N, C-alpha and C. Protein backbone atom coordinates (compact mmCIF):
# COMPACT_ATOMS: atom_id res chain seq x y z
N GLN A 1 -29.88 -23.26 -2.99
CA GLN A 1 -30.28 -22.26 -4.22
C GLN A 1 -31.56 -23.15 -4.65
N VAL A 2 -32.64 -22.29 -5.10
CA VAL A 2 -34.03 -22.73 -5.49
C VAL A 2 -33.67 -23.31 -7.02
N LYS A 3 -34.24 -24.66 -7.17
CA LYS A 3 -33.95 -25.09 -8.37
C LYS A 3 -35.21 -25.94 -8.79
N LEU A 4 -36.01 -25.26 -9.65
CA LEU A 4 -37.35 -26.02 -9.95
C LEU A 4 -37.50 -26.93 -10.97
N GLU A 5 -37.99 -28.07 -11.17
CA GLU A 5 -38.17 -29.12 -12.02
C GLU A 5 -39.50 -29.38 -12.07
N GLU A 6 -40.00 -29.28 -13.24
CA GLU A 6 -41.39 -29.55 -13.48
C GLU A 6 -41.36 -31.05 -14.24
N SER A 7 -42.66 -31.62 -13.88
CA SER A 7 -42.73 -33.05 -14.60
C SER A 7 -44.34 -33.23 -14.73
N GLY A 8 -44.62 -34.23 -15.48
CA GLY A 8 -46.19 -34.68 -15.70
C GLY A 8 -46.71 -34.06 -16.95
N GLY A 9 -45.88 -33.56 -17.57
CA GLY A 9 -46.28 -33.18 -19.22
C GLY A 9 -46.31 -34.49 -20.11
N GLY A 10 -47.02 -34.39 -21.21
CA GLY A 10 -46.86 -35.46 -22.12
C GLY A 10 -48.23 -35.30 -22.98
N SER A 11 -48.68 -36.38 -23.63
CA SER A 11 -49.72 -36.32 -24.54
C SER A 11 -51.21 -36.61 -23.73
N VAL A 12 -51.99 -35.72 -23.67
CA VAL A 12 -53.31 -35.69 -23.30
C VAL A 12 -54.33 -35.78 -24.35
N GLN A 13 -55.72 -36.14 -23.72
CA GLN A 13 -56.83 -36.11 -24.63
C GLN A 13 -57.70 -34.86 -23.86
N VAL A 14 -58.54 -34.48 -25.15
CA VAL A 14 -59.50 -33.49 -25.07
C VAL A 14 -60.42 -34.03 -23.97
N GLY A 15 -60.86 -33.43 -22.72
CA GLY A 15 -61.97 -33.89 -21.87
C GLY A 15 -61.06 -34.78 -20.94
N GLY A 16 -59.91 -34.90 -21.06
CA GLY A 16 -59.11 -35.56 -20.09
C GLY A 16 -58.61 -34.73 -18.87
N SER A 17 -57.70 -35.29 -18.03
CA SER A 17 -57.11 -34.54 -16.81
C SER A 17 -55.65 -34.25 -16.91
N LEU A 18 -54.96 -33.60 -16.40
CA LEU A 18 -53.81 -33.19 -16.49
C LEU A 18 -53.24 -32.79 -14.91
N ARG A 19 -52.09 -33.58 -14.69
CA ARG A 19 -51.85 -33.29 -13.36
C ARG A 19 -50.02 -32.95 -13.50
N LEU A 20 -49.59 -31.72 -12.93
CA LEU A 20 -48.20 -31.49 -13.23
C LEU A 20 -47.84 -31.21 -11.63
N SER A 21 -46.45 -31.39 -11.57
CA SER A 21 -45.69 -31.28 -10.41
C SER A 21 -44.36 -30.54 -10.69
N CYS A 22 -44.27 -29.62 -9.56
CA CYS A 22 -43.11 -28.78 -9.66
C CYS A 22 -42.37 -28.91 -8.28
N THR A 23 -41.03 -29.34 -8.41
CA THR A 23 -40.33 -29.63 -7.23
C THR A 23 -38.91 -28.71 -7.07
N ASP A 24 -38.91 -28.16 -5.79
CA ASP A 24 -37.53 -27.43 -5.79
C ASP A 24 -36.60 -28.49 -5.19
N SER A 25 -35.83 -28.98 -6.12
CA SER A 25 -34.75 -29.95 -5.89
C SER A 25 -33.62 -29.49 -5.13
N GLY A 26 -33.76 -27.98 -4.95
CA GLY A 26 -32.80 -27.69 -3.80
C GLY A 26 -33.03 -27.72 -2.46
N GLU A 27 -34.51 -28.01 -2.34
CA GLU A 27 -35.18 -27.99 -0.98
C GLU A 27 -34.80 -26.71 -0.02
N THR A 28 -35.00 -25.63 -0.63
CA THR A 28 -34.44 -24.47 0.00
C THR A 28 -35.27 -24.24 1.13
N ASP A 29 -34.84 -23.94 2.35
CA ASP A 29 -35.91 -23.80 3.37
C ASP A 29 -36.76 -22.53 3.32
N SER A 30 -36.37 -21.71 2.52
CA SER A 30 -37.22 -20.36 2.36
C SER A 30 -38.48 -20.61 1.26
N ASP A 31 -38.33 -21.66 0.76
CA ASP A 31 -39.26 -21.93 -0.51
C ASP A 31 -40.93 -21.88 0.12
N ALA A 32 -41.03 -22.10 1.55
CA ALA A 32 -42.21 -22.10 1.93
C ALA A 32 -42.78 -20.69 1.95
N ASP A 33 -41.86 -19.82 2.00
CA ASP A 33 -42.26 -18.36 1.93
C ASP A 33 -42.41 -17.82 0.67
N TYR A 34 -42.44 -18.45 -0.28
CA TYR A 34 -42.36 -17.95 -1.72
C TYR A 34 -43.86 -18.10 -2.33
N CYS A 35 -44.30 -17.18 -3.19
CA CYS A 35 -45.33 -17.58 -4.14
C CYS A 35 -44.89 -18.24 -5.11
N MET A 36 -45.70 -19.40 -5.51
CA MET A 36 -45.26 -20.35 -6.50
C MET A 36 -46.48 -20.12 -7.39
N GLY A 37 -46.27 -20.67 -8.97
CA GLY A 37 -47.11 -20.42 -9.89
C GLY A 37 -46.83 -21.06 -10.84
N TRP A 38 -47.89 -21.37 -11.94
CA TRP A 38 -47.72 -22.12 -13.07
C TRP A 38 -47.89 -21.28 -14.36
N PHE A 39 -47.19 -21.24 -15.37
CA PHE A 39 -47.44 -20.25 -16.24
C PHE A 39 -47.46 -21.30 -17.72
N ARG A 40 -47.80 -20.74 -18.78
CA ARG A 40 -47.78 -21.62 -19.94
C ARG A 40 -47.64 -20.79 -20.98
N GLN A 41 -47.00 -21.22 -22.23
CA GLN A 41 -46.82 -20.74 -23.32
C GLN A 41 -47.13 -21.69 -24.64
N ALA A 42 -47.99 -21.24 -25.61
CA ALA A 42 -48.08 -21.95 -26.66
C ALA A 42 -47.27 -21.51 -27.66
N PRO A 43 -47.20 -22.31 -28.88
CA PRO A 43 -46.72 -21.51 -30.09
C PRO A 43 -47.16 -20.57 -30.58
N GLY A 44 -46.69 -19.51 -30.75
CA GLY A 44 -47.24 -18.29 -31.19
C GLY A 44 -47.94 -17.26 -30.62
N LYS A 45 -48.00 -17.69 -29.13
CA LYS A 45 -48.83 -16.76 -28.05
C LYS A 45 -47.88 -16.49 -27.09
N GLU A 46 -48.47 -15.41 -26.37
CA GLU A 46 -47.83 -14.68 -25.30
C GLU A 46 -47.84 -15.88 -23.99
N ARG A 47 -46.64 -15.88 -23.07
CA ARG A 47 -46.90 -16.47 -21.92
C ARG A 47 -48.03 -16.08 -21.14
N GLU A 48 -48.81 -16.84 -20.40
CA GLU A 48 -49.84 -16.52 -19.48
C GLU A 48 -49.89 -17.18 -17.87
N GLY A 49 -49.94 -16.53 -17.38
CA GLY A 49 -50.28 -17.16 -15.87
C GLY A 49 -51.46 -18.16 -15.93
N VAL A 50 -51.40 -19.16 -15.18
CA VAL A 50 -52.29 -20.22 -15.28
C VAL A 50 -52.93 -20.44 -13.86
N ALA A 51 -52.15 -20.40 -12.91
CA ALA A 51 -52.56 -20.61 -11.58
C ALA A 51 -51.52 -20.73 -10.61
N GLY A 52 -51.80 -20.05 -9.44
CA GLY A 52 -50.74 -19.81 -8.40
C GLY A 52 -51.03 -19.79 -6.98
N ILE A 53 -50.44 -19.97 -5.97
CA ILE A 53 -50.56 -20.00 -4.68
C ILE A 53 -49.68 -19.22 -3.97
N ASP A 54 -49.89 -18.35 -2.82
CA ASP A 54 -48.99 -17.69 -2.21
C ASP A 54 -48.53 -18.01 -1.02
N SER A 55 -47.62 -17.51 -0.09
CA SER A 55 -47.07 -18.22 0.94
C SER A 55 -48.07 -18.57 2.11
N ASP A 56 -49.48 -18.20 2.03
CA ASP A 56 -50.52 -18.44 2.95
C ASP A 56 -51.20 -19.34 2.50
N GLY A 57 -51.07 -19.81 1.16
CA GLY A 57 -51.97 -20.97 0.75
C GLY A 57 -53.25 -20.35 0.08
N ARG A 58 -53.05 -19.22 -0.34
CA ARG A 58 -54.25 -18.55 -0.95
C ARG A 58 -54.02 -18.61 -2.62
N PRO A 59 -54.99 -19.67 -3.17
CA PRO A 59 -54.74 -19.87 -4.67
C PRO A 59 -55.37 -18.81 -5.33
N SER A 60 -54.91 -18.86 -6.69
CA SER A 60 -55.52 -17.79 -7.75
C SER A 60 -55.40 -18.31 -9.13
N TYR A 61 -56.64 -18.29 -9.98
CA TYR A 61 -56.47 -18.97 -11.15
C TYR A 61 -56.90 -17.98 -12.45
N LEU A 62 -56.22 -18.35 -13.80
CA LEU A 62 -56.57 -17.60 -14.81
C LEU A 62 -57.99 -18.31 -15.13
N SER A 63 -58.74 -16.90 -15.57
CA SER A 63 -60.20 -17.22 -15.80
C SER A 63 -60.58 -18.34 -16.79
N SER A 64 -59.39 -18.81 -17.61
CA SER A 64 -60.07 -19.72 -18.60
C SER A 64 -60.01 -21.21 -17.78
N VAL A 65 -59.41 -21.08 -16.69
CA VAL A 65 -58.99 -22.67 -15.97
C VAL A 65 -59.70 -22.84 -14.93
N LYS A 66 -60.37 -21.50 -14.30
CA LYS A 66 -61.26 -21.59 -12.94
C LYS A 66 -62.31 -22.37 -13.08
N GLY A 67 -62.54 -23.15 -12.02
CA GLY A 67 -63.65 -24.27 -12.02
C GLY A 67 -63.29 -25.49 -12.51
N ARG A 68 -62.22 -25.63 -13.21
CA ARG A 68 -61.64 -27.13 -13.58
C ARG A 68 -60.31 -27.22 -13.46
N SER A 69 -59.72 -26.42 -12.31
CA SER A 69 -58.47 -26.65 -11.96
C SER A 69 -58.32 -26.48 -10.57
N TYR A 70 -57.07 -26.85 -10.20
CA TYR A 70 -56.92 -26.87 -8.71
C TYR A 70 -55.22 -26.95 -8.17
N VAL A 71 -55.05 -25.82 -7.65
CA VAL A 71 -53.50 -25.62 -7.37
C VAL A 71 -53.28 -25.92 -5.99
N TRP A 72 -52.16 -26.48 -5.59
CA TRP A 72 -51.76 -26.67 -4.19
C TRP A 72 -50.60 -26.95 -3.95
N ARG A 73 -49.81 -26.71 -2.86
CA ARG A 73 -48.44 -27.04 -2.40
C ARG A 73 -48.20 -27.95 -1.30
N ASP A 74 -47.13 -28.59 -1.47
CA ASP A 74 -46.74 -29.38 0.06
C ASP A 74 -45.34 -28.64 0.35
N ASN A 75 -45.34 -28.00 1.33
CA ASN A 75 -44.12 -27.53 1.61
C ASN A 75 -43.10 -28.22 2.07
N VAL A 76 -43.63 -29.45 2.68
CA VAL A 76 -42.96 -30.64 3.26
C VAL A 76 -41.96 -31.10 2.05
N LYS A 77 -42.86 -31.27 1.10
CA LYS A 77 -42.13 -31.85 -0.27
C LYS A 77 -41.27 -30.98 -1.05
N HIS A 78 -41.70 -29.57 -0.68
CA HIS A 78 -41.07 -28.60 -1.30
C HIS A 78 -41.84 -28.78 -3.09
N THR A 79 -42.96 -29.14 -3.07
CA THR A 79 -43.67 -29.33 -4.36
C THR A 79 -44.90 -28.61 -4.53
N LEU A 80 -45.03 -27.84 -5.84
CA LEU A 80 -46.19 -27.43 -6.36
C LEU A 80 -46.99 -28.26 -7.29
N TYR A 81 -48.25 -28.17 -7.29
CA TYR A 81 -48.96 -29.11 -8.12
C TYR A 81 -50.27 -28.45 -8.89
N LEU A 82 -50.44 -28.94 -9.92
CA LEU A 82 -51.64 -28.54 -10.89
C LEU A 82 -52.47 -29.44 -11.34
N LEU A 83 -53.73 -29.58 -11.19
CA LEU A 83 -54.52 -30.42 -11.63
C LEU A 83 -55.42 -29.49 -12.62
N ILE A 84 -55.53 -29.88 -13.78
CA ILE A 84 -56.66 -29.37 -14.69
C ILE A 84 -57.55 -30.45 -15.24
N ASN A 85 -58.72 -30.36 -15.15
CA ASN A 85 -59.78 -31.36 -15.54
C ASN A 85 -60.51 -30.72 -16.73
N ASN A 86 -61.14 -31.67 -17.66
CA ASN A 86 -61.88 -31.28 -18.68
C ASN A 86 -61.12 -30.48 -19.69
N LEU A 87 -59.87 -31.14 -20.04
CA LEU A 87 -58.87 -30.30 -20.93
C LEU A 87 -59.55 -29.82 -22.30
N LYS A 88 -59.10 -28.68 -22.64
CA LYS A 88 -59.51 -28.19 -24.05
C LYS A 88 -58.17 -28.07 -24.96
N PRO A 89 -58.44 -27.84 -26.01
CA PRO A 89 -57.15 -27.72 -27.08
C PRO A 89 -56.43 -26.49 -26.58
N ASP A 90 -56.81 -25.45 -26.28
CA ASP A 90 -56.16 -24.28 -25.64
C ASP A 90 -55.36 -24.51 -24.40
N ASP A 91 -55.31 -25.78 -24.03
CA ASP A 91 -54.45 -26.04 -22.80
C ASP A 91 -53.02 -26.49 -23.26
N ALA A 92 -53.15 -26.83 -24.51
CA ALA A 92 -51.93 -27.36 -25.06
C ALA A 92 -50.74 -26.21 -24.76
N ALA A 93 -49.71 -26.49 -24.40
CA ALA A 93 -48.55 -25.54 -24.21
C ALA A 93 -47.58 -26.16 -23.41
N THR A 94 -46.35 -25.23 -23.21
CA THR A 94 -45.18 -25.75 -22.26
C THR A 94 -45.49 -24.74 -20.91
N TYR A 95 -45.58 -25.56 -19.90
CA TYR A 95 -46.00 -25.30 -18.89
C TYR A 95 -44.75 -25.09 -18.01
N TYR A 96 -44.64 -23.83 -17.42
CA TYR A 96 -43.50 -23.51 -16.53
C TYR A 96 -43.97 -23.22 -15.02
N CYS A 97 -42.87 -23.75 -14.23
CA CYS A 97 -43.44 -23.39 -12.72
C CYS A 97 -42.29 -22.04 -12.33
N ALA A 98 -42.77 -21.23 -11.39
CA ALA A 98 -42.00 -20.05 -11.01
C ALA A 98 -42.24 -20.03 -9.54
N ALA A 99 -41.17 -19.34 -8.94
CA ALA A 99 -41.28 -19.13 -7.51
C ALA A 99 -40.33 -17.81 -7.29
N GLY A 100 -40.98 -17.19 -6.15
CA GLY A 100 -40.18 -15.91 -5.73
C GLY A 100 -40.97 -15.27 -4.58
N PHE A 101 -40.55 -14.13 -4.05
CA PHE A 101 -41.13 -13.33 -3.03
C PHE A 101 -42.20 -12.42 -3.80
N CYS A 102 -43.38 -12.51 -3.43
CA CYS A 102 -44.40 -11.83 -4.59
C CYS A 102 -45.10 -11.13 -3.57
N PRO A 103 -45.50 -9.71 -3.98
CA PRO A 103 -46.43 -9.02 -3.24
C PRO A 103 -47.99 -9.33 -3.41
N ASP A 104 -48.52 -10.10 -4.31
CA ASP A 104 -49.69 -10.39 -4.74
C ASP A 104 -49.75 -11.17 -5.86
N ILE A 105 -50.22 -12.60 -5.46
CA ILE A 105 -50.41 -13.53 -6.54
C ILE A 105 -51.21 -13.43 -7.74
N ASP A 106 -52.42 -12.36 -7.47
CA ASP A 106 -52.99 -12.36 -8.38
C ASP A 106 -52.40 -11.24 -9.67
N ALA A 107 -51.66 -10.48 -8.86
CA ALA A 107 -50.78 -9.49 -9.84
C ALA A 107 -49.84 -10.27 -10.72
N VAL A 108 -49.20 -11.35 -10.05
CA VAL A 108 -48.13 -12.09 -10.68
C VAL A 108 -48.62 -12.94 -11.48
N LEU A 109 -49.87 -13.41 -11.72
CA LEU A 109 -50.35 -14.22 -12.76
C LEU A 109 -50.82 -13.24 -13.90
N THR A 110 -51.23 -12.22 -13.62
CA THR A 110 -51.78 -11.32 -14.89
C THR A 110 -50.83 -10.56 -15.21
N ALA A 111 -49.66 -10.37 -14.72
CA ALA A 111 -48.41 -9.50 -15.29
C ALA A 111 -47.79 -10.04 -16.53
N SER A 112 -47.60 -9.27 -17.30
CA SER A 112 -46.78 -9.61 -18.66
C SER A 112 -45.39 -10.10 -18.54
N GLU A 113 -44.89 -9.49 -17.32
CA GLU A 113 -43.63 -10.14 -16.80
C GLU A 113 -43.79 -10.26 -15.40
N PRO A 114 -43.72 -11.45 -15.12
CA PRO A 114 -44.13 -11.86 -13.66
C PRO A 114 -42.74 -11.71 -12.75
N GLU A 115 -41.60 -11.76 -13.69
CA GLU A 115 -40.32 -11.28 -12.99
C GLU A 115 -40.35 -10.11 -12.04
N VAL A 116 -41.17 -9.16 -12.75
CA VAL A 116 -40.97 -7.82 -11.92
C VAL A 116 -41.77 -8.01 -10.93
N TYR A 117 -42.85 -8.89 -10.71
CA TYR A 117 -43.40 -9.02 -9.19
C TYR A 117 -42.62 -10.28 -8.49
N GLY A 118 -41.37 -10.41 -8.47
CA GLY A 118 -40.52 -11.03 -7.79
C GLY A 118 -40.55 -12.62 -8.09
N MET A 119 -40.99 -12.94 -9.24
CA MET A 119 -41.01 -14.45 -9.62
C MET A 119 -39.42 -14.72 -10.20
N ASP A 120 -38.61 -15.01 -9.38
CA ASP A 120 -37.08 -15.14 -9.70
C ASP A 120 -36.76 -16.20 -10.22
N TYR A 121 -37.43 -17.35 -9.84
CA TYR A 121 -36.97 -18.57 -10.14
C TYR A 121 -37.88 -19.30 -11.05
N TRP A 122 -37.40 -20.23 -11.89
CA TRP A 122 -38.09 -20.76 -13.34
C TRP A 122 -37.88 -22.14 -13.45
N GLY A 123 -38.38 -22.78 -13.77
CA GLY A 123 -38.31 -24.22 -14.37
C GLY A 123 -38.06 -24.02 -15.87
N LYS A 124 -37.52 -25.34 -16.31
CA LYS A 124 -37.45 -25.41 -17.76
C LYS A 124 -38.59 -25.64 -18.46
N GLY A 125 -39.55 -26.05 -17.84
CA GLY A 125 -40.90 -26.24 -18.60
C GLY A 125 -41.08 -27.86 -18.98
N THR A 126 -42.80 -28.14 -19.00
CA THR A 126 -42.66 -29.54 -19.45
C THR A 126 -43.99 -29.43 -20.53
N LEU A 127 -43.78 -29.86 -21.53
CA LEU A 127 -44.86 -29.99 -22.72
C LEU A 127 -46.04 -30.70 -22.53
N VAL A 128 -47.10 -30.26 -22.85
CA VAL A 128 -48.29 -30.81 -22.72
C VAL A 128 -49.05 -30.69 -24.34
N THR A 129 -49.17 -31.73 -24.89
CA THR A 129 -49.73 -31.88 -26.17
C THR A 129 -51.12 -32.86 -26.10
N PHE A 130 -51.71 -32.66 -27.35
CA PHE A 130 -52.98 -33.32 -27.39
C PHE A 130 -52.78 -34.59 -28.24
N SER A 131 -53.24 -35.83 -27.88
CA SER A 131 -53.07 -36.63 -28.87
C SER A 131 -54.46 -36.70 -29.94
N SER A 132 -54.12 -37.10 -31.32
CA SER A 132 -55.32 -36.98 -32.18
C SER A 132 -56.34 -38.30 -31.91
């Protein structure tokens, strides 16, 4: 069974970098066939898709992080990664990892309900805050 666990959150600085990891601790054989993605939700705001990658390795990014972020996966390690550089205050949020069979990673990231597009598995999230 897919069991996603995020790590790498914590206190960061504006202008700094953030690297998050999401591991399927269940080491599910089929997770290489899944889309995997990062979503985030800040207090008082809607959840939004940040970056994702489909089973063919094609990445997709939210416009606000495009050009300063990188998403990749290591199927041997059953792990998804996200690197965001030049952090901005709006990057503060709880970041969630999700996975599932999806028809289109772009649609998944822009959907108000990614679950409708097949993202069935979710981690519990990791919190990213900014130090003053």
